PDB file of N, CA and C in Angstrom:
ATOM      1  N   MET A   1     -90.343 160.514 -86.370  1.00  0.00           N
ATOM      2  CA  MET A   1     -91.097 159.322 -86.197  1.00  0.00           C
ATOM      3  C   MET A   1     -92.559 160.126 -85.291  1.00  0.00           C
ATOM      4  N   HIS A   2     -92.096 160.708 -84.662  1.00  0.00           N
ATOM      5  CA  HIS A   2     -93.006 161.970 -83.742  1.00  0.00           C
ATOM      6  C   HIS A   2     -94.373 162.579 -84.954  1.00  0.00           C
ATOM      7  N   ASP A   3     -93.614 163.372 -86.068  1.00  0.00           N
ATOM      8  CA  ASP A   3     -94.289 163.885 -87.568  1.00  0.00           C
ATOM      9  C   ASP A   3     -95.011 162.777 -88.103  1.00  0.00           C
ATOM     10  N   THR A   4     -94.397 161.823 -88.251  1.00  0.00           N
ATOM     11  CA  THR A   4     -95.179 160.982 -89.094  1.00  0.00           C
ATOM     12  C   THR A   4     -96.584 160.131 -88.271  1.00  0.00           C
ATOM     13  N   THR A   5     -96.305 159.966 -86.949  1.00  0.00           N
ATOM     14  CA  THR A   5     -97.369 159.418 -86.190  1.00  0.00           C
ATOM     15  C   THR A   5     -98.258 160.739 -85.880  1.00  0.00           C
ATOM     16  N   ASN A   6     -98.028 161.807 -85.885  1.00  0.00           N
ATOM     17  CA  ASN A   6     -98.834 162.861 -85.673  1.00  0.00           C
ATOM     18  C   ASN A   6     -99.467 163.193 -86.884  1.00  0.00           C
ATOM     19  N   LEU A   7     -98.899 163.137 -88.207  1.00  0.00           N
ATOM     20  CA  LEU A   7    -100.117 163.088 -89.396  1.00  0.00           C
ATOM     21  C   LEU A   7    -100.712 162.225 -89.567  1.00  0.00           C
ATOM     22  N   GLU A   8    -100.627 160.710 -89.674  1.00  0.00           N
ATOM     23  CA  GLU A   8    -101.442 159.511 -89.397  1.00  0.00           C
ATOM     24  C   GLU A   8    -102.587 159.886 -88.647  1.00  0.00           C
ATOM     25  N   ALA A   9    -102.563 160.212 -87.691  1.00  0.00           N
ATOM     26  CA  ALA A   9    -103.755 160.443 -86.623  1.00  0.00           C
ATOM     27  C   ALA A   9    -104.566 161.465 -86.780  1.00  0.00           C
ATOM     28  N   GLN A  10    -103.901 162.323 -88.221  1.00  0.00           N
ATOM     29  CA  GLN A  10    -104.420 163.295 -88.732  1.00  0.00           C
ATOM     30  C   GLN A  10    -105.684 162.448 -89.988  1.00  0.00           C
ATOM     31  N   GLY A  11    -104.861 161.539 -90.193  1.00  0.00           N
ATOM     32  CA  GLY A  11    -105.651 161.040 -91.417  1.00  0.00           C
ATOM     33  C   GLY A  11    -104.592 161.312 -92.636  1.00  0.00           C
ATOM     34  N   VAL A  12    -103.272 161.744 -92.381  1.00  0.00           N
ATOM     35  CA  VAL A  12    -102.679 161.802 -93.598  1.00  0.00           C
ATOM     36  C   VAL A  12    -101.349 160.912 -93.289  1.00  0.00           C
ATOM     37  N   PRO A  13    -101.672 160.089 -94.722  1.00  0.00           N
ATOM     38  CA  PRO A  13    -100.396 158.940 -94.678  1.00  0.00           C
ATOM     39  C   PRO A  13     -98.902 159.239 -94.943  1.00  0.00           C
ATOM     40  N   GLY A  14     -98.355 158.642 -94.290  1.00  0.00           N
ATOM     41  CA  GLY A  14     -96.859 159.151 -94.177  1.00  0.00           C
ATOM     42  C   GLY A  14     -96.119 157.873 -93.785  1.00  0.00           C
ATOM     43  N   VAL A  15     -94.533 158.002 -94.236  1.00  0.00           N
ATOM     44  CA  VAL A  15     -93.704 156.923 -94.542  1.00  0.00           C
ATOM     45  C   VAL A  15     -92.403 157.321 -93.656  1.00  0.00           C
ATOM     46  N   PHE A  16     -92.122 157.083 -92.733  1.00  0.00           N
ATOM     47  CA  PHE A  16     -90.785 157.448 -92.145  1.00  0.00           C
ATOM     48  C   PHE A  16     -89.699 157.343 -92.732  1.00  0.00           C
ATOM     49  N   VAL A  17     -88.860 157.995 -93.084  1.00  0.00           N
ATOM     50  CA  VAL A  17     -87.338 157.775 -94.254  1.00  0.00           C
ATOM     51  C   VAL A  17     -86.408 157.936 -93.107  1.00  0.00           C
ATOM     52  N   ALA A  18     -85.606 156.832 -92.954  1.00  0.00           N
ATOM     53  CA  ALA A  18     -84.187 157.184 -92.544  1.00  0.00           C
ATOM     54  C   ALA A  18     -83.114 156.169 -92.473  1.00  0.00           C
ATOM     55  N   THR A  19     -82.267 156.702 -92.577  1.00  0.00           N
ATOM     56  CA  THR A  19     -80.875 155.584 -92.993  1.00  0.00           C
ATOM     57  C   THR A  19     -80.664 154.660 -92.117  1.00  0.00           C
ATOM     58  N   VAL A  20     -79.765 153.616 -92.294  1.00  0.00           N
ATOM     59  CA  VAL A  20     -79.954 151.812 -91.997  1.00  0.00           C
ATOM     60  C   VAL A  20     -79.161 152.457 -90.384  1.00  0.00           C
ATOM     61  N   GLU A  21     -78.695 153.256 -90.584  1.00  0.00           N
ATOM     62  CA  GLU A  21     -77.663 152.962 -89.395  1.00  0.00           C
ATOM     63  C   GLU A  21     -78.924 153.241 -88.297  1.00  0.00           C
ATOM     64  N   PHE A  22     -80.001 154.333 -88.055  1.00  0.00           N
ATOM     65  CA  PHE A  22     -80.799 154.635 -87.297  1.00  0.00           C
ATOM     66  C   PHE A  22     -81.802 153.601 -86.951  1.00  0.00           C
ATOM     67  N   THR A  23     -82.284 152.275 -87.979  1.00  0.00           N
ATOM     68  CA  THR A  23     -82.997 151.477 -87.717  1.00  0.00           C
ATOM     69  C   THR A  23     -83.026 150.990 -85.864  1.00  0.00           C
ATOM     70  N   ASP A  24     -82.193 150.621 -85.710  1.00  0.00           N
ATOM     71  CA  ASP A  24     -82.562 150.154 -83.691  1.00  0.00           C
ATOM     72  C   ASP A  24     -83.072 151.089 -82.881  1.00  0.00           C
ATOM     73  N   GLY A  25     -82.454 152.500 -83.461  1.00  0.00           N
ATOM     74  CA  GLY A  25     -83.433 153.539 -82.891  1.00  0.00           C
ATOM     75  C   GLY A  25     -84.596 154.209 -83.105  1.00  0.00           C
ATOM     76  N   ALA A  26     -84.931 153.848 -84.113  1.00  0.00           N
ATOM     77  CA  ALA A  26     -86.153 154.308 -84.477  1.00  0.00           C
ATOM     78  C   ALA A  26     -87.168 153.394 -84.251  1.00  0.00           C
ATOM     79  N   GLU A  27     -86.826 151.861 -84.434  1.00  0.00           N
ATOM     80  CA  GLU A  27     -87.470 150.802 -83.774  1.00  0.00           C
ATOM     81  C   GLU A  27     -87.987 150.985 -82.273  1.00  0.00           C
ATOM     82  N   ALA A  28     -86.977 151.193 -81.685  1.00  0.00           N
ATOM     83  CA  ALA A  28     -87.040 151.239 -80.416  1.00  0.00           C
ATOM     84  C   ALA A  28     -88.115 152.484 -80.163  1.00  0.00           C
ATOM     85  N   GLN A  29     -88.000 153.829 -80.703  1.00  0.00           N
ATOM     86  CA  GLN A  29     -88.768 154.744 -80.361  1.00  0.00           C
ATOM     87  C   GLN A  29     -90.208 154.318 -81.143  1.00  0.00           C
ATOM     88  N   ALA A  30     -90.273 153.866 -82.021  1.00  0.00           N
ATOM     89  CA  ALA A  30     -91.833 153.352 -82.208  1.00  0.00           C
ATOM     90  C   ALA A  30     -92.769 152.688 -81.143  1.00  0.00           C
ATOM     91  N   ARG A  31     -91.778 151.754 -80.875  1.00  0.00           N
ATOM     92  CA  ARG A  31     -92.523 150.615 -79.752  1.00  0.00           C
ATOM     93  C   ARG A  31     -92.884 151.659 -78.466  1.00  0.00           C
ATOM     94  N   ALA A  32     -91.724 152.276 -78.199  1.00  0.00           N
ATOM     95  CA  ALA A  32     -92.318 153.434 -76.902  1.00  0.00           C
ATOM     96  C   ALA A  32     -92.907 154.368 -76.709  1.00  0.00           C
ATOM     97  N   ILE A  33     -93.511 154.623 -78.003  1.00  0.00           N
ATOM     98  CA  ILE A  33     -94.387 155.580 -78.608  1.00  0.00           C
ATOM     99  C   ILE A  33     -95.948 155.085 -78.966  1.00  0.00           C
ATOM    100  N   GLY A  34     -95.722 153.420 -79.108  1.00  0.00           N
ATOM    101  CA  GLY A  34     -97.142 153.055 -79.289  1.00  0.00           C
ATOM    102  C   GLY A  34     -97.268 153.299 -81.016  1.00  0.00           C
ATOM    103  N   ALA A  35     -95.997 153.099 -81.666  1.00  0.00           N
ATOM    104  CA  ALA A  35     -96.551 153.707 -83.114  1.00  0.00           C
ATOM    105  C   ALA A  35     -96.223 152.398 -83.813  1.00  0.00           C
ATOM    106  N   ASN A  36     -96.259 151.912 -84.989  1.00  0.00           N
ATOM    107  CA  ASN A  36     -95.861 151.311 -86.037  1.00  0.00           C
ATOM    108  C   ASN A  36     -95.853 151.818 -87.474  1.00  0.00           C
ATOM    109  N   PRO A  37     -95.286 152.775 -87.997  1.00  0.00           N
ATOM    110  CA  PRO A  37     -95.414 153.615 -88.981  1.00  0.00           C
ATOM    111  C   PRO A  37     -94.480 152.618 -90.092  1.00  0.00           C
ATOM    112  N   ALA A  38     -95.181 153.320 -91.447  1.00  0.00           N
ATOM    113  CA  ALA A  38     -94.891 152.243 -92.258  1.00  0.00           C
ATOM    114  C   ALA A  38     -93.099 153.062 -92.423  1.00  0.00           C
ATOM    115  N   ALA A  39     -92.009 152.779 -92.385  1.00  0.00           N
ATOM    116  CA  ALA A  39     -90.644 152.871 -92.423  1.00  0.00           C
ATOM    117  C   ALA A  39     -89.646 152.651 -93.562  1.00  0.00           C
ATOM    118  N   VAL A  40     -88.947 153.020 -94.510  1.00  0.00           N
ATOM    119  CA  VAL A  40     -88.321 152.962 -95.480  1.00  0.00           C
ATOM    120  C   VAL A  40     -86.687 153.427 -94.649  1.00  0.00           C
ATOM    121  N   TYR A  41     -86.024 152.221 -95.187  1.00  0.00           N
ATOM    122  CA  TYR A  41     -83.920 152.711 -94.640  1.00  0.00           C
ATOM    123  C   TYR A  41     -83.604 152.686 -95.808  1.00  0.00           C
ATOM    124  N   VAL A  42     -82.774 153.349 -95.669  1.00  0.00           N
ATOM    125  CA  VAL A  42     -81.770 154.108 -97.204  1.00  0.00           C
ATOM    126  C   VAL A  42     -80.389 153.727 -96.789  1.00  0.00           C
ATOM    127  N   GLU A  43     -79.335 153.498 -97.241  1.00  0.00           N
ATOM    128  CA  GLU A  43     -78.135 153.419 -97.048  1.00  0.00           C
ATOM    129  C   GLU A  43     -77.528 154.492 -96.054  1.00  0.00           C
ATOM    130  N   HIS A  44     -76.170 154.211 -95.509  1.00  0.00           N
ATOM    131  CA  HIS A  44     -75.828 155.203 -94.535  1.00  0.00           C
ATOM    132  C   HIS A  44     -74.350 155.447 -95.371  1.00  0.00           C
ATOM    133  N   PRO A  45     -73.870 156.506 -95.073  1.00  0.00           N
ATOM    134  CA  PRO A  45     -74.161 157.350 -94.779  1.00  0.00           C
ATOM    135  C   PRO A  45     -74.725 158.665 -95.796  1.00  0.00           C
ATOM    136  N   ILE A  46     -75.731 159.929 -95.853  1.00  0.00           N
ATOM    137  CA  ILE A  46     -76.129 160.679 -96.288  1.00  0.00           C
ATOM    138  C   ILE A  46     -75.435 161.960 -96.824  1.00  0.00           C
ATOM    139  N   GLN A  47     -74.605 162.247 -95.354  1.00  0.00           N
ATOM    140  CA  GLN A  47     -74.467 163.881 -95.264  1.00  0.00           C
ATOM    141  C   GLN A  47     -73.644 164.025 -96.882  1.00  0.00           C
ATOM    142  N   ASP A  48     -72.773 163.557 -96.965  1.00  0.00           N
ATOM    143  CA  ASP A  48     -71.420 163.697 -97.910  1.00  0.00           C
ATOM    144  C   ASP A  48     -71.818 163.287 -99.186  1.00  0.00           C
ATOM    145  N   ARG A  49     -73.089 163.121 -99.523  1.00  0.00           N
ATOM    146  CA  ARG A  49     -73.447 162.683-100.824  1.00  0.00           C
ATOM    147  C   ARG A  49     -73.258 163.973-101.838  1.00  0.00           C
ATOM    148  N   SER A  50     -73.386 163.652-103.043  1.00  0.00           N
ATOM    149  CA  SER A  50     -74.045 164.895-103.926  1.00  0.00           C
ATOM    150  C   SER A  50     -74.945 164.628-104.131  1.00  0.00           C
ATOM    151  N   ASP A  51     -75.731 165.854-105.006  1.00  0.00           N
ATOM    152  CA  ASP A  51     -77.285 165.739-104.965  1.00  0.00           C
ATOM    153  C   ASP A  51     -77.277 164.565-106.349  1.00  0.00           C
ATOM    154  N   GLU A  52     -76.613 164.186-107.519  1.00  0.00           N
ATOM    155  CA  GLU A  52     -76.790 163.377-108.318  1.00  0.00           C
ATOM    156  C   GLU A  52     -77.075 161.851-107.292  1.00  0.00           C
ATOM    157  N   GLU A  53     -75.922 161.466-106.443  1.00  0.00           N
ATOM    158  CA  GLU A  53     -76.228 160.402-105.453  1.00  0.00           C
ATOM    159  C   GLU A  53     -77.484 160.349-104.653  1.00  0.00           C
ATOM    160  N   MET A  54     -78.287 161.571-104.055  1.00  0.00           N
ATOM    161  CA  MET A  54     -78.787 161.694-103.262  1.00  0.00           C
ATOM    162  C   MET A  54     -80.287 161.445-103.741  1.00  0.00           C
ATOM    163  N   ARG A  55     -80.043 161.712-105.610  1.00  0.00           N
ATOM    164  CA  ARG A  55     -81.601 161.143-106.322  1.00  0.00           C
ATOM    165  C   ARG A  55     -81.629 159.887-106.482  1.00  0.00           C
ATOM    166  N   GLU A  56     -80.256 159.392-106.633  1.00  0.00           N
ATOM    167  CA  GLU A  56     -80.310 157.915-106.628  1.00  0.00           C
ATOM    168  C   GLU A  56     -81.079 157.012-105.626  1.00  0.00           C
ATOM    169  N   ILE A  57     -80.025 157.463-104.663  1.00  0.00           N
ATOM    170  CA  ILE A  57     -80.769 156.782-103.584  1.00  0.00           C
ATOM    171  C   ILE A  57     -82.408 156.949-103.114  1.00  0.00           C
ATOM    172  N   ALA A  58     -82.911 158.121-103.338  1.00  0.00           N
ATOM    173  CA  ALA A  58     -84.188 158.410-103.641  1.00  0.00           C
ATOM    174  C   ALA A  58     -85.097 157.619-104.403  1.00  0.00           C
ATOM    175  N   ASP A  59     -84.420 157.449-105.896  1.00  0.00           N
ATOM    176  CA  ASP A  59     -85.057 156.784-106.569  1.00  0.00           C
ATOM    177  C   ASP A  59     -85.088 155.081-106.442  1.00  0.00           C
ATOM    178  N   ARG A  60     -84.174 154.811-105.407  1.00  0.00           N
ATOM    179  CA  ARG A  60     -84.268 153.395-105.296  1.00  0.00           C
ATOM    180  C   ARG A  60     -85.119 153.264-103.918  1.00  0.00           C
ATOM    181  N   ALA A  61     -85.372 154.285-103.189  1.00  0.00           N
ATOM    182  CA  ALA A  61     -86.178 154.024-102.141  1.00  0.00           C
ATOM    183  C   ALA A  61     -87.884 154.537-102.697  1.00  0.00           C
ATOM    184  N   LEU A  62     -88.392 155.069-103.820  1.00  0.00           N
ATOM    185  CA  LEU A  62     -89.446 155.447-104.253  1.00  0.00           C
ATOM    186  C   LEU A  62     -90.316 154.125-104.435  1.00  0.00           C
ATOM    187  N   ASP A  63     -90.099 153.203-104.758  1.00  0.00           N
ATOM    188  CA  ASP A  63     -91.238 152.231-104.774  1.00  0.00           C
ATOM    189  C   ASP A  63     -91.450 152.047-103.279  1.00  0.00           C
ATOM    190  N   ALA A  64     -90.764 151.436-102.434  1.00  0.00           N
ATOM    191  CA  ALA A  64     -91.002 151.100-101.266  1.00  0.00           C
ATOM    192  C   ALA A  64     -91.737 152.307-100.204  1.00  0.00           C
ATOM    193  N   VAL A  65     -91.181 153.700-100.376  1.00  0.00           N
ATOM    194  CA  VAL A  65     -92.219 154.767-100.022  1.00  0.00           C
ATOM    195  C   VAL A  65     -93.442 154.672-100.320  1.00  0.00           C
ATOM    196  N   LEU A  66     -94.152 154.692-101.540  1.00  0.00           N
ATOM    197  CA  LEU A  66     -95.014 154.515-102.122  1.00  0.00           C
ATOM    198  C   LEU A  66     -95.852 153.434-101.840  1.00  0.00           C
ATOM    199  N   ALA A  67     -95.387 152.421-101.793  1.00  0.00           N
ATOM    200  CA  ALA A  67     -96.001 151.077-101.194  1.00  0.00           C
ATOM    201  C   ALA A  67     -96.215 151.270 -99.761  1.00  0.00           C
ATOM    202  N   GLY A  68     -95.406 152.196 -99.225  1.00  0.00           N
ATOM    203  CA  GLY A  68     -96.235 152.658 -97.107  1.00  0.00           C
ATOM    204  C   GLY A  68     -97.312 153.531 -97.414  1.00  0.00           C
ATOM    205  N   LEU A  69     -96.747 154.122 -98.553  1.00  0.00           N
ATOM    206  CA  LEU A  69     -98.250 155.405 -98.386  1.00  0.00           C
ATOM    207  C   LEU A  69     -99.386 154.897 -98.985  1.00  0.00           C
ATOM    208  N   VAL A  70    -100.132 153.886 -99.429  1.00  0.00           N
ATOM    209  CA  VAL A  70    -101.166 152.821 -99.778  1.00  0.00           C
ATOM    210  C   VAL A  70    -101.451 152.016 -99.085  1.00  0.00           C
ATOM    211  N   SER A  71    -100.362 151.616 -98.133  1.00  0.00           N
ATOM    212  CA  SER A  71    -100.278 150.101 -97.551  1.00  0.00           C
ATOM    213  C   SER A  71    -101.483 150.743 -96.370  1.00  0.00           C
ATOM    214  N   GLU A  72    -102.571 149.453 -96.120  1.00  0.00           N
ATOM    215  CA  GLU A  72    -103.450 149.280 -95.066  1.00  0.00           C
ATOM    216  C   GLU A  72    -102.863 149.333 -93.697  1.00  0.00           C
ATOM    217  N   ASP A  73    -101.867 148.228 -93.626  1.00  0.00           N
ATOM    218  CA  ASP A  73    -100.948 148.069 -92.190  1.00  0.00           C
ATOM    219  C   ASP A  73     -99.842 149.179 -92.068  1.00  0.00           C
ATOM    220  N   GLY A  74     -99.828 149.846 -92.364  1.00  0.00           N
ATOM    221  CA  GLY A  74     -98.652 150.885 -92.669  1.00  0.00           C
ATOM    222  C   GLY A  74     -97.610 150.269 -92.915  1.00  0.00           C
ATOM    223  N   GLY A  75     -97.408 149.695 -93.632  1.00  0.00           N
ATOM    224  CA  GLY A  75     -96.338 149.046 -94.802  1.00  0.00           C
ATOM    225  C   GLY A  75     -95.540 147.805 -94.827  1.00  0.00           C
TER     226      GLY A  75
END
């Protein structure tokens, strides 16, 4: 969250990506620091996924990530 907002403050577009397990925490942290970054939440868990499963998750998230990068309102 901090990295994304710091990069955006420098004019570098960013999208915060996390698993759905962290939605509430990420949204609370964003409010606490006064940020509204574009965010994409993927399925949970990911730590035990194979490389192929991770590629599939990334492929499914790609359109949302790209949309967040080009959106004027952060997603």
